C-alpha atoms as a PDB file:
ATOM      1  CA  MET A   1     -19.055 -35.985 -10.704  1.00  0.00           C
ATOM      2  CA  LYS A   2     -18.003 -34.252 -14.003  1.00  0.00           C
ATOM      3  CA  THR A   3     -16.830 -35.628 -17.205  1.00  0.00           C
ATOM      4  CA  ALA A   4     -13.040 -36.153 -18.160  1.00  0.00           C
ATOM      5  CA  SER A   5     -13.722 -33.401 -20.241  1.00  0.00           C
ATOM      6  CA  PHE A   6     -14.951 -30.651 -17.717  1.00  0.00           C
ATOM      7  CA  LEU A   7     -12.185 -31.712 -15.690  1.00  0.00           C
ATOM      8  CA  LEU A   8      -9.389 -30.965 -18.558  1.00  0.00           C
ATOM      9  CA  PHE A   9     -10.876 -27.714 -19.566  1.00  0.00           C
ATOM     10  CA  MET A  10     -11.634 -26.368 -16.016  1.00  0.00           C
ATOM     11  CA  THR A  11      -8.044 -27.890 -14.578  1.00  0.00           C
ATOM     12  CA  ALA A  12      -6.193 -25.734 -17.550  1.00  0.00           C
ATOM     13  CA  ILE A  13      -8.217 -22.793 -16.764  1.00  0.00           C
ATOM     14  CA  MET A  14      -8.685 -22.583 -13.126  1.00  0.00           C
ATOM     15  CA  ALA A  15      -5.728 -24.213 -11.773  1.00  0.00           C
ATOM     16  CA  THR A  16      -3.998 -21.076 -11.093  1.00  0.00           C
ATOM     17  CA  HIS A  17      -6.432 -18.684 -13.470  1.00  0.00           C
ATOM     18  CA  SER A  18      -3.730 -17.517 -15.739  1.00  0.00           C
ATOM     19  CA  CYS A  19      -2.989 -17.129 -21.501  1.00  0.00           C
ATOM     20  CA  THR A  20      -0.664 -16.480 -24.643  1.00  0.00           C
ATOM     21  CA  LYS A  21      -1.703 -14.665 -27.802  1.00  0.00           C
ATOM     22  CA  LYS A  22      -1.952 -17.001 -30.818  1.00  0.00           C
ATOM     23  CA  LYS A  23      -3.790 -15.272 -33.266  1.00  0.00           C
ATOM     24  CA  ASP A  24      -6.378 -12.784 -34.213  1.00  0.00           C
ATOM     25  CA  PRO A  25      -9.079 -11.971 -31.984  1.00  0.00           C
ATOM     26  CA  LEU A  26     -12.517 -14.299 -32.790  1.00  0.00           C
ATOM     27  CA  PRO A  27     -15.468 -12.615 -34.720  1.00  0.00           C
ATOM     28  CA  GLU A  28     -17.991 -11.771 -32.232  1.00  0.00           C
ATOM     29  CA  ALA A  29     -20.357 -14.004 -31.143  1.00  0.00           C
ATOM     30  CA  PRO A  30     -24.247 -12.394 -31.766  1.00  0.00           C
ATOM     31  CA  VAL A  31     -25.890 -11.130 -28.416  1.00  0.00           C
ATOM     32  CA  VAL A  32     -29.371 -12.509 -27.254  1.00  0.00           C
ATOM     33  CA  PRO A  33     -31.560 -10.090 -25.299  1.00  0.00           C
ATOM     34  CA  ARG A  34     -33.187 -11.449 -22.467  1.00  0.00           C
ATOM     35  CA  PRO A  35     -36.466  -9.114 -20.732  1.00  0.00           C
ATOM     36  CA  GLY A  36     -36.833  -8.704 -17.427  1.00  0.00           C
ATOM     37  CA  ASN A  37     -35.249  -7.901 -13.943  1.00  0.00           C
ATOM     38  CA  SER A  38     -31.582  -8.992 -13.887  1.00  0.00           C
ATOM     39  CA  MET A  39     -28.318  -8.885 -11.861  1.00  0.00           C
ATOM     40  CA  ALA A  40     -26.785  -6.442 -14.608  1.00  0.00           C
ATOM     41  CA  ARG A  41     -25.480  -4.221 -11.446  1.00  0.00           C
ATOM     42  CA  LEU A  42     -24.041  -6.822 -10.219  1.00  0.00           C
ATOM     43  CA  VAL A  43     -22.180  -7.980 -13.378  1.00  0.00           C
ATOM     44  CA  LYS A  44     -18.952  -6.009 -13.922  1.00  0.00           C
ATOM     45  CA  GLY A  45     -17.305  -5.223 -17.488  1.00  0.00           C
ATOM     46  CA  HIS A  46     -16.562  -5.927 -21.046  1.00  0.00           C
ATOM     47  CA  LEU A  47     -17.899  -8.448 -22.516  1.00  0.00           C
ATOM     48  CA  LEU A  48     -15.152 -10.881 -23.124  1.00  0.00           C
ATOM     49  CA  LYS A  49     -15.514 -12.892 -26.165  1.00  0.00           C
ATOM     50  CA  ALA A  50     -12.709 -15.682 -25.809  1.00  0.00           C
ATOM     51  CA  VAL A  51     -10.198 -16.789 -23.901  1.00  0.00           C
ATOM     52  CA  GLU A  52      -6.606 -18.994 -25.127  1.00  0.00           C
ATOM     53  CA  ILE A  53      -3.985 -20.485 -22.853  1.00  0.00           C
ATOM     54  CA  ALA A  54      -0.529 -20.738 -23.398  1.00  0.00           C
ATOM     55  CA  GLY A  55       0.755 -24.620 -23.675  1.00  0.00           C
ATOM     56  CA  TYR A  56      -2.774 -25.766 -23.817  1.00  0.00           C
ATOM     57  CA  PRO A  57      -4.842 -26.705 -27.158  1.00  0.00           C
ATOM     58  CA  VAL A  58      -7.768 -25.114 -25.475  1.00  0.00           C
ATOM     59  CA  ARG A  59     -10.280 -21.916 -26.626  1.00  0.00           C
ATOM     60  CA  ILE A  60     -13.304 -20.960 -24.317  1.00  0.00           C
ATOM     61  CA  GLU A  61     -15.914 -18.670 -26.188  1.00  0.00           C
ATOM     62  CA  TYR A  62     -18.570 -16.707 -24.034  1.00  0.00           C
ATOM     63  CA  ALA A  63     -22.045 -15.789 -24.778  1.00  0.00           C
ATOM     64  CA  TRP A  64     -23.844 -12.953 -23.334  1.00  0.00           C
ATOM     65  CA  HIS A  65     -27.013 -11.444 -22.498  1.00  0.00           C
ATOM     66  CA  THR A  66     -27.652  -7.873 -23.376  1.00  0.00           C
ATOM     67  CA  ASP A  67     -27.471  -6.929 -19.827  1.00  0.00           C
ATOM     68  CA  SER A  68     -24.022  -8.141 -19.355  1.00  0.00           C
ATOM     69  CA  SER A  69     -24.946 -11.481 -17.804  1.00  0.00           C
ATOM     70  CA  LEU A  70     -23.224 -14.334 -19.316  1.00  0.00           C
ATOM     71  CA  ARG A  71     -25.330 -16.736 -21.387  1.00  0.00           C
ATOM     72  CA  HIS A  72     -23.256 -19.659 -22.213  1.00  0.00           C
ATOM     73  CA  TYR A  73     -19.656 -20.503 -23.047  1.00  0.00           C
ATOM     74  CA  HIS A  74     -18.113 -22.679 -25.207  1.00  0.00           C
ATOM     75  CA  ALA A  75     -14.356 -24.694 -24.875  1.00  0.00           C
ATOM     76  CA  ILE A  76     -12.537 -26.508 -27.784  1.00  0.00           C
ATOM     77  CA  ASN A  77      -9.593 -28.547 -27.555  1.00  0.00           C
ATOM     78  CA  THR A  78      -8.590 -27.523 -30.595  1.00  0.00           C
ATOM     79  CA  ILE A  79      -6.319 -30.716 -31.238  1.00  0.00           C
ATOM     80  CA  THR A  80      -9.232 -33.336 -30.377  1.00  0.00           C
ATOM     81  CA  LYS A  81     -11.961 -31.326 -31.217  1.00  0.00           C
ATOM     82  CA  ASP A  82     -13.754 -32.763 -27.937  1.00  0.00           C
ATOM     83  CA  THR A  83     -15.959 -29.490 -26.773  1.00  0.00           C
ATOM     84  CA  LEU A  84     -17.692 -28.449 -23.460  1.00  0.00           C
ATOM     85  CA  ASP A  85     -20.913 -26.313 -23.245  1.00  0.00           C
ATOM     86  CA  VAL A  86     -21.973 -24.486 -20.312  1.00  0.00           C
ATOM     87  CA  ASP A  87     -25.461 -23.032 -19.950  1.00  0.00           C
ATOM     88  CA  TYR A  88     -26.424 -20.578 -17.850  1.00  0.00           C
ATOM     89  CA  HIS A  89     -30.252 -20.312 -16.842  1.00  0.00           C
ATOM     90  CA  TYR A  90     -32.153 -17.697 -15.026  1.00  0.00           C
ATOM     91  CA  THR A  91     -35.649 -17.014 -13.435  1.00  0.00           C
ATOM     92  CA  ALA A  92     -36.952 -13.382 -13.089  1.00  0.00           C
ATOM     93  CA  GLY A  93     -33.363 -12.112 -14.263  1.00  0.00           C
ATOM     94  CA  LYS A  94     -31.717 -14.080 -11.376  1.00  0.00           C
ATOM     95  CA  LEU A  95     -29.376 -16.952 -11.820  1.00  0.00           C
ATOM     96  CA  THR A  96     -31.154 -20.054 -10.749  1.00  0.00           C
ATOM     97  CA  ARG A  97     -29.128 -23.304 -12.293  1.00  0.00           C
ATOM     98  CA  ILE A  98     -25.806 -23.997 -14.289  1.00  0.00           C
ATOM     99  CA  SER A  99     -25.907 -27.065 -16.567  1.00  0.00           C
ATOM    100  CA  THR A 100     -22.922 -28.486 -18.231  1.00  0.00           C
ATOM    101  CA  GLU A 101     -23.318 -30.564 -21.198  1.00  0.00           C
ATOM    102  CA  ASN A 102     -22.740 -34.312 -20.684  1.00  0.00           C
ATOM    103  CA  SER A 103     -22.624 -33.928 -17.003  1.00  0.00           C
ATOM    104  CA  LEU A 104     -24.223 -35.652 -14.220  1.00  0.00           C
ATOM    105  CA  SER A 105     -24.264 -32.893 -11.955  1.00  0.00           C
ATOM    106  CA  GLU A 106     -25.681 -28.778 -12.115  1.00  0.00           C
ATOM    107  CA  GLY A 107     -24.857 -26.030  -9.980  1.00  0.00           C
ATOM    108  CA  VAL A 108     -27.995 -24.688  -8.370  1.00  0.00           C
ATOM    109  CA  TYR A 109     -27.727 -20.835  -7.394  1.00  0.00           C
ATOM    110  CA  VAL A 110     -30.092 -19.403  -4.672  1.00  0.00           C
ATOM    111  CA  ILE A 111     -30.047 -15.128  -4.848  1.00  0.00           C
ATOM    112  CA  SER A 112     -31.415 -13.510  -1.960  1.00  0.00           C
ATOM    113  CA  ASN A 113     -31.127  -9.734  -1.849  1.00  0.00           C
ATOM    114  CA  ASP A 114     -29.151  -9.510  -5.026  1.00  0.00           C
ATOM    115  CA  ARG A 115     -26.554 -11.402  -3.139  1.00  0.00           C
ATOM    116  CA  ILE A 116     -25.599 -15.052  -3.410  1.00  0.00           C
ATOM    117  CA  SER A 117     -26.872 -16.831  -0.237  1.00  0.00           C
ATOM    118  CA  ARG A 118     -26.404 -20.493  -1.516  1.00  0.00           C
ATOM    119  CA  ILE A 119     -24.839 -22.620  -4.195  1.00  0.00           C
ATOM    120  CA  THR A 120     -25.126 -26.420  -4.363  1.00  0.00           C
ATOM    121  CA  SER A 121     -23.203 -29.051  -6.786  1.00  0.00           C
ATOM    122  CA  ARG A 122     -25.528 -31.702  -6.913  1.00  0.00           C
ATOM    123  CA  HIS A 123     -25.916 -34.775  -8.692  1.00  0.00           C
ATOM    124  CA  LEU A 124     -28.547 -35.393 -10.937  1.00  0.00           C
ATOM    125  CA  ILE A 125     -29.000 -39.138 -10.068  1.00  0.00           C
ATOM    126  CA  ASN A 126     -27.506 -39.731  -6.832  1.00  0.00           C
ATOM    127  CA  PRO A 127     -27.908 -37.915  -3.094  1.00  0.00           C
ATOM    128  CA  THR A 128     -24.648 -36.443  -3.258  1.00  0.00           C
ATOM    129  CA  GLY A 129     -22.638 -32.980  -4.076  1.00  0.00           C
ATOM    130  CA  ARG A 130     -21.796 -30.213  -2.288  1.00  0.00           C
ATOM    131  CA  GLN A 131     -22.909 -27.106  -0.706  1.00  0.00           C
ATOM    132  CA  TYR A 132     -21.995 -23.435  -0.014  1.00  0.00           C
ATOM    133  CA  ASP A 133     -23.781 -21.306   2.626  1.00  0.00           C
ATOM    134  CA  PHE A 134     -22.687 -17.767   1.905  1.00  0.00           C
ATOM    135  CA  THR A 135     -23.357 -14.559   4.965  1.00  0.00           C
ATOM    136  CA  TYR A 136     -22.513 -11.482   5.096  1.00  0.00           C
ATOM    137  CA  ARG A 137     -21.654  -8.309   7.301  1.00  0.00           C
ATOM    138  CA  GLN A 138     -24.031  -5.788   7.868  1.00  0.00           C
ATOM    139  CA  ASP A 139     -22.139  -3.455   5.429  1.00  0.00           C
ATOM    140  CA  SER A 140     -23.048  -6.369   2.994  1.00  0.00           C
ATOM    141  CA  LEU A 141     -19.628  -7.500   2.299  1.00  0.00           C
ATOM    142  CA  LEU A 142     -18.958 -11.503   2.384  1.00  0.00           C
ATOM    143  CA  SER A 143     -17.793 -12.727   5.681  1.00  0.00           C
ATOM    144  CA  GLY A 144     -18.182 -16.268   5.396  1.00  0.00           C
ATOM    145  CA  ILE A 145     -18.667 -19.555   3.370  1.00  0.00           C
ATOM    146  CA  LEU A 146     -19.869 -22.694   5.120  1.00  0.00           C
ATOM    147  CA  ARG A 147     -18.855 -25.828   2.727  1.00  0.00           C
ATOM    148  CA  SER A 148     -20.612 -29.035   3.426  1.00  0.00           C
ATOM    149  CA  GLY A 149     -20.656 -32.416   1.856  1.00  0.00           C
ATOM    150  CA  ILE A 150     -24.162 -34.100   0.629  1.00  0.00           C
ATOM    151  CA  SER A 151     -24.735 -37.394   0.574  1.00  0.00           C
ATOM    152  CA  GLU A 152     -27.558 -39.992   1.785  1.00  0.00           C
ATOM    153  CA  ALA A 153     -26.955 -39.333   5.608  1.00  0.00           C
ATOM    154  CA  GLY A 154     -27.417 -35.532   4.954  1.00  0.00           C
ATOM    155  CA  LEU A 155     -25.422 -32.592   5.362  1.00  0.00           C
ATOM    156  CA  ARG A 156     -21.328 -32.924   6.799  1.00  0.00           C
ATOM    157  CA  THR A 157     -19.299 -30.001   7.396  1.00  0.00           C
ATOM    158  CA  VAL A 158     -16.086 -29.468   5.502  1.00  0.00           C
ATOM    159  CA  CYS A 159     -14.699 -26.364   6.757  1.00  0.00           C
ATOM    160  CA  ASP A 160     -16.140 -23.079   7.924  1.00  0.00           C
ATOM    161  CA  ILE A 161     -14.477 -20.230   6.122  1.00  0.00           C
ATOM    162  CA  VAL A 162     -13.877 -16.527   7.568  1.00  0.00           C
ATOM    163  CA  ILE A 163     -12.808 -13.703   5.570  1.00  0.00           C
ATOM    164  CA  SER A 164     -11.138 -10.921   7.080  1.00  0.00           C
ATOM    165  CA  TYR A 165     -10.710  -7.456   5.523  1.00  0.00           C
ATOM    166  CA  ASP A 166      -7.833  -4.580   5.526  1.00  0.00           C
ATOM    167  CA  GLY A 167      -8.552  -0.800   5.563  1.00  0.00           C
ATOM    168  CA  HIS A 168      -9.614  -0.757   2.113  1.00  0.00           C
ATOM    169  CA  ARG A 169     -11.982  -2.955   2.103  1.00  0.00           C
ATOM    170  CA  LEU A 170     -10.570  -5.894   0.142  1.00  0.00           C
ATOM    171  CA  PRO A 171      -9.836  -9.041   1.480  1.00  0.00           C
ATOM    172  CA  ALA A 172      -6.695  -9.514   3.487  1.00  0.00           C
ATOM    173  CA  PHE A 173      -6.872 -13.294   5.193  1.00  0.00           C
ATOM    174  CA  ILE A 174      -9.149 -16.027   4.559  1.00  0.00           C
ATOM    175  CA  SER A 175      -9.094 -19.266   7.142  1.00  0.00           C
ATOM    176  CA  SER A 176     -10.525 -22.681   6.327  1.00  0.00           C
ATOM    177  CA  THR A 177     -11.346 -24.442   9.347  1.00  0.00           C
ATOM    178  CA  GLN A 178     -12.036 -28.256   9.400  1.00  0.00           C
ATOM    179  CA  PRO A 179     -13.622 -29.832  11.848  1.00  0.00           C
ATOM    180  CA  ASN A 180     -10.570 -31.662  12.883  1.00  0.00           C
ATOM    181  CA  GLY A 181      -8.954 -28.897  13.834  1.00  0.00           C
ATOM    182  CA  VAL A 182      -6.931 -28.275  10.788  1.00  0.00           C
ATOM    183  CA  MET A 183      -6.667 -24.810   8.737  1.00  0.00           C
ATOM    184  CA  ARG A 184      -6.041 -23.535   5.629  1.00  0.00           C
ATOM    185  CA  ALA A 185      -5.355 -20.067   5.369  1.00  0.00           C
ATOM    186  CA  ILE A 186      -4.852 -18.106   2.472  1.00  0.00           C
ATOM    187  CA  ARG A 187      -3.290 -14.254   2.992  1.00  0.00           C
ATOM    188  CA  ILE A 188      -3.604 -11.688   0.053  1.00  0.00           C
ATOM    189  CA  HIS A 189      -0.320  -9.545   0.150  1.00  0.00           C
ATOM    190  CA  GLU A 190      -0.826  -7.283  -2.986  1.00  0.00           C
ATOM    191  CA  TRP A 191      -3.600  -6.277  -5.385  1.00  0.00           C
ATOM    192  CA  SER A 192      -3.914  -5.367  -9.057  1.00  0.00           C
ATOM    193  CA  ASN A 193      -5.222  -1.878 -10.486  1.00  0.00           C
ATOM    194  CA  PRO A 194      -9.206  -1.786 -10.910  1.00  0.00           C
ATOM    195  CA  PHE A 195      -9.822  -2.920 -13.926  1.00  0.00           C
ATOM    196  CA  SER A 196     -13.545  -4.388 -15.647  1.00  0.00           C
ATOM    197  CA  PHE A 197     -14.296  -8.276 -15.419  1.00  0.00           C
ATOM    198  CA  SER A 198     -17.419 -10.209 -15.165  1.00  0.00           C
ATOM    199  CA  PRO A 199     -16.649 -12.726 -11.960  1.00  0.00           C
ATOM    200  CA  TRP A 200     -17.906 -16.019 -13.796  1.00  0.00           C
ATOM    201  CA  VAL A 201     -14.775 -15.678 -16.256  1.00  0.00           C
ATOM    202  CA  PHE A 202     -12.721 -16.628 -12.824  1.00  0.00           C
ATOM    203  CA  SER A 203     -14.989 -18.398 -11.170  1.00  0.00           C
ATOM    204  CA  ASP A 204     -15.572 -22.241 -11.757  1.00  0.00           C
ATOM    205  CA  PRO A 205     -19.316 -22.896 -12.155  1.00  0.00           C
ATOM    206  CA  GLU A 206     -19.545 -25.615  -8.979  1.00  0.00           C
ATOM    207  CA  LEU A 207     -16.844 -24.515  -7.045  1.00  0.00           C
ATOM    208  CA  ASN A 208     -14.388 -27.717  -7.599  1.00  0.00           C
ATOM    209  CA  LEU A 209     -11.345 -25.584  -8.225  1.00  0.00           C
ATOM    210  CA  GLU A 210      -8.191 -24.536  -5.961  1.00  0.00           C
ATOM    211  CA  ASN A 211      -8.328 -21.249  -3.978  1.00  0.00           C
ATOM    212  CA  TYR A 212     -12.512 -21.384  -4.059  1.00  0.00           C
ATOM    213  CA  GLU A 213     -12.317 -19.202  -0.873  1.00  0.00           C
ATOM    214  CA  LEU A 214     -10.902 -16.729  -2.982  1.00  0.00           C
ATOM    215  CA  TYR A 215     -12.300 -17.315  -6.524  1.00  0.00           C
ATOM    216  CA  ASN A 216     -15.507 -17.850  -5.530  1.00  0.00           C
ATOM    217  CA  PRO A 217     -18.355 -15.333  -7.406  1.00  0.00           C
ATOM    218  CA  ALA A 218     -19.803 -14.232  -4.099  1.00  0.00           C
ATOM    219  CA  LEU A 219     -16.386 -12.580  -3.264  1.00  0.00           C
ATOM    220  CA  LEU A 220     -15.719 -12.307  -7.116  1.00  0.00           C
ATOM    221  CA  PHE A 221     -18.484  -9.927  -7.440  1.00  0.00           C
ATOM    222  CA  GLN A 222     -17.645  -7.394  -5.002  1.00  0.00           C
ATOM    223  CA  LEU A 223     -14.401  -6.861  -6.178  1.00  0.00           C
ATOM    224  CA  ASP A 224     -13.136  -4.632  -8.744  1.00  0.00           C
ATOM    225  CA  ARG A 225      -9.431  -6.250  -8.739  1.00  0.00           C
ATOM    226  CA  LEU A 226      -7.654  -9.340  -8.736  1.00  0.00           C
ATOM    227  CA  PRO A 227      -5.069 -10.584  -6.123  1.00  0.00           C
ATOM    228  CA  VAL A 228      -1.163 -10.240  -7.384  1.00  0.00           C
ATOM    229  CA  LYS A 229       0.129 -11.678  -4.582  1.00  0.00           C
ATOM    230  CA  PHE A 230      -1.014 -14.389  -2.094  1.00  0.00           C
ATOM    231  CA  SER A 231       0.146 -17.210  -0.225  1.00  0.00           C
ATOM    232  CA  GLU A 232      -1.487 -20.717   1.143  1.00  0.00           C
ATOM    233  CA  TRP A 233      -0.614 -21.872   5.001  1.00  0.00           C
ATOM    234  CA  ILE A 234      -1.566 -24.805   6.726  1.00  0.00           C
ATOM    235  CA  GLN A 235      -1.989 -24.893  10.418  1.00  0.00           C
ATOM    236  CA  GLN A 236      -2.249 -28.032  12.286  1.00  0.00           C
ATOM    237  CA  PRO A 237      -4.049 -28.123  15.949  1.00  0.00           C
ATOM    238  CA  GLY A 238      -1.743 -26.678  18.781  1.00  0.00           C
ATOM    239  CA  GLY A 239       1.266 -26.129  15.745  1.00  0.00           C
ATOM    240  CA  SER A 240       2.522 -23.189  13.798  1.00  0.00           C
ATOM    241  CA  ALA A 241       1.389 -22.048  10.621  1.00  0.00           C
ATOM    242  CA  VAL A 242       3.557 -23.276   7.385  1.00  0.00           C
ATOM    243  CA  GLN A 243       3.517 -22.119   3.792  1.00  0.00           C
ATOM    244  CA  GLN A 244       3.104 -24.098   1.243  1.00  0.00           C
ATOM    245  CA  ARG A 245       2.846 -22.421  -2.094  1.00  0.00           C
ATOM    246  CA  ARG A 246       2.473 -18.268  -2.862  1.00  0.00           C
ATOM    247  CA  TRP A 247       1.417 -16.848  -6.016  1.00  0.00           C
ATOM    248  CA  GLU A 248       3.009 -14.126  -8.011  1.00  0.00           C
ATOM    249  CA  ILE A 249       0.404 -13.025 -10.709  1.00  0.00           C
ATOM    250  CA  THR A 250       0.890 -10.417 -13.622  1.00  0.00           C
ATOM    251  CA  TYR A 251      -1.635  -8.082 -15.212  1.00  0.00           C
ATOM    252  CA  THR A 252      -1.643  -6.285 -18.738  1.00  0.00           C
ATOM    253  CA  ILE A 253      -4.828  -4.038 -18.711  1.00  0.00           C
ATOM    254  CA  GLN A 254      -5.761  -1.960 -21.413  1.00  0.00           C
ATOM    255  CA  ASN A 255      -8.551   0.617 -20.972  1.00  0.00           C
ATOM    256  CA  ASP A 256     -10.024  -1.211 -18.058  1.00  0.00           C
ATOM    257  CA  ARG A 257      -9.801  -4.588 -20.060  1.00  0.00           C
ATOM    258  CA  LEU A 258      -7.547  -7.217 -19.014  1.00  0.00           C
ATOM    259  CA  MET A 259      -5.400  -8.357 -22.131  1.00  0.00           C
ATOM    260  CA  HIS A 260      -3.247 -11.188 -20.546  1.00  0.00           C
ATOM    261  CA  ARG A 261      -2.574 -12.720 -17.026  1.00  0.00           C
ATOM    262  CA  THR A 262       0.396 -14.494 -16.122  1.00  0.00           C
ATOM    263  CA  ALA A 263       0.375 -16.923 -13.018  1.00  0.00           C
ATOM    264  CA  LYS A 264       3.301 -18.156 -11.469  1.00  0.00           C
ATOM    265  CA  VAL A 265       3.311 -20.777  -8.425  1.00  0.00           C
ATOM    266  CA  PHE A 266       6.154 -21.555  -6.322  1.00  0.00           C
ATOM    267  CA  TYR A 267       6.543 -24.209  -3.988  1.00  0.00           C
ATOM    268  CA  PRO A 268       8.589 -23.592  -0.688  1.00  0.00           C
ATOM    269  CA  ALA A 269       9.563 -27.387  -0.181  1.00  0.00           C
ATOM    270  CA  ASP A 270       9.365 -28.629  -3.839  1.00  0.00           C
ATOM    271  CA  PRO A 271      10.817 -25.945  -5.909  1.00  0.00           C
ATOM    272  CA  GLN A 272      10.721 -28.559  -8.490  1.00  0.00           C
ATOM    273  CA  LEU A 273       7.043 -28.171  -8.740  1.00  0.00           C
ATOM    274  CA  ASN A 274       7.004 -24.600  -9.586  1.00  0.00           C
ATOM    275  CA  SER A 275       4.912 -23.701 -12.521  1.00  0.00           C
ATOM    276  CA  THR A 276       3.793 -20.769 -14.491  1.00  0.00           C
ATOM    277  CA  ILE A 277       0.339 -20.644 -16.932  1.00  0.00           C
ATOM    278  CA  GLU A 278      -0.685 -17.754 -19.060  1.00  0.00           C
ATOM    279  CA  HIS A 279      -3.716 -16.580 -20.601  1.00  0.00           C
ATOM    280  CA  THR A 280      -4.618 -14.045 -23.092  1.00  0.00           C
ATOM    281  CA  PHE A 281      -8.097 -12.567 -23.617  1.00  0.00           C
ATOM    282  CA  TYR A 282     -10.159 -11.353 -26.556  1.00  0.00           C
ATOM    283  CA  TYR A 283     -12.713  -8.754 -26.308  1.00  0.00           C
END
């Protein structure tokens, strides 16, 4: 549904969500004003100018509106010079659509009561795609996500996601159950210190990424920190949960801004698959 370039960039950026410093910060891009009511109170943080990924010839540059809502990001492969451009479209200050250059799909957003109620990743020609419906508790915390597939036959449930919280109102356990009873679970063991950030930097526009149960904008908008340690478990119907992977992430935070992030992924049954990815953030 997406171009190869899009998958190259987003795999590098989102697979484990992490960058190493290669050069001086890029010059600041001009900020374009946008009138009208907005989601500014939902958007957190200092305006990120660029991200670089250690070991990948990729640089991502961000452009923002004056109310801190994301307007555009531009990714470039510094070797091949291939580029990717993603635009965020708003109506009356509310995000309605995210479009990707040369892509045959787009992300469509429904915002209700200043919260994301639905995200649809739809093909622009064929009746195919994905749909995510978000539900909230009475205290406004995200309680669940229903993921469905879209086809000519209509909607088909892919999985039902339920989010449980600890006493500090932070996610502790996220279960994702398929119609056949197979459950994937994410257990969050430790969190970073609080810092300012924009959720859009850490979530794929169309939620086509690993761990979207955790790294989705609806959940990230209610957080002021990111997970340091979390693990993935699979449980077959009638069986016991088995750990598949675990993540350990370190953050370098200065003056409320994330400067560097290193994510390590460990596979208990296949340690040869262990990997590390780093990002450096420029402001």
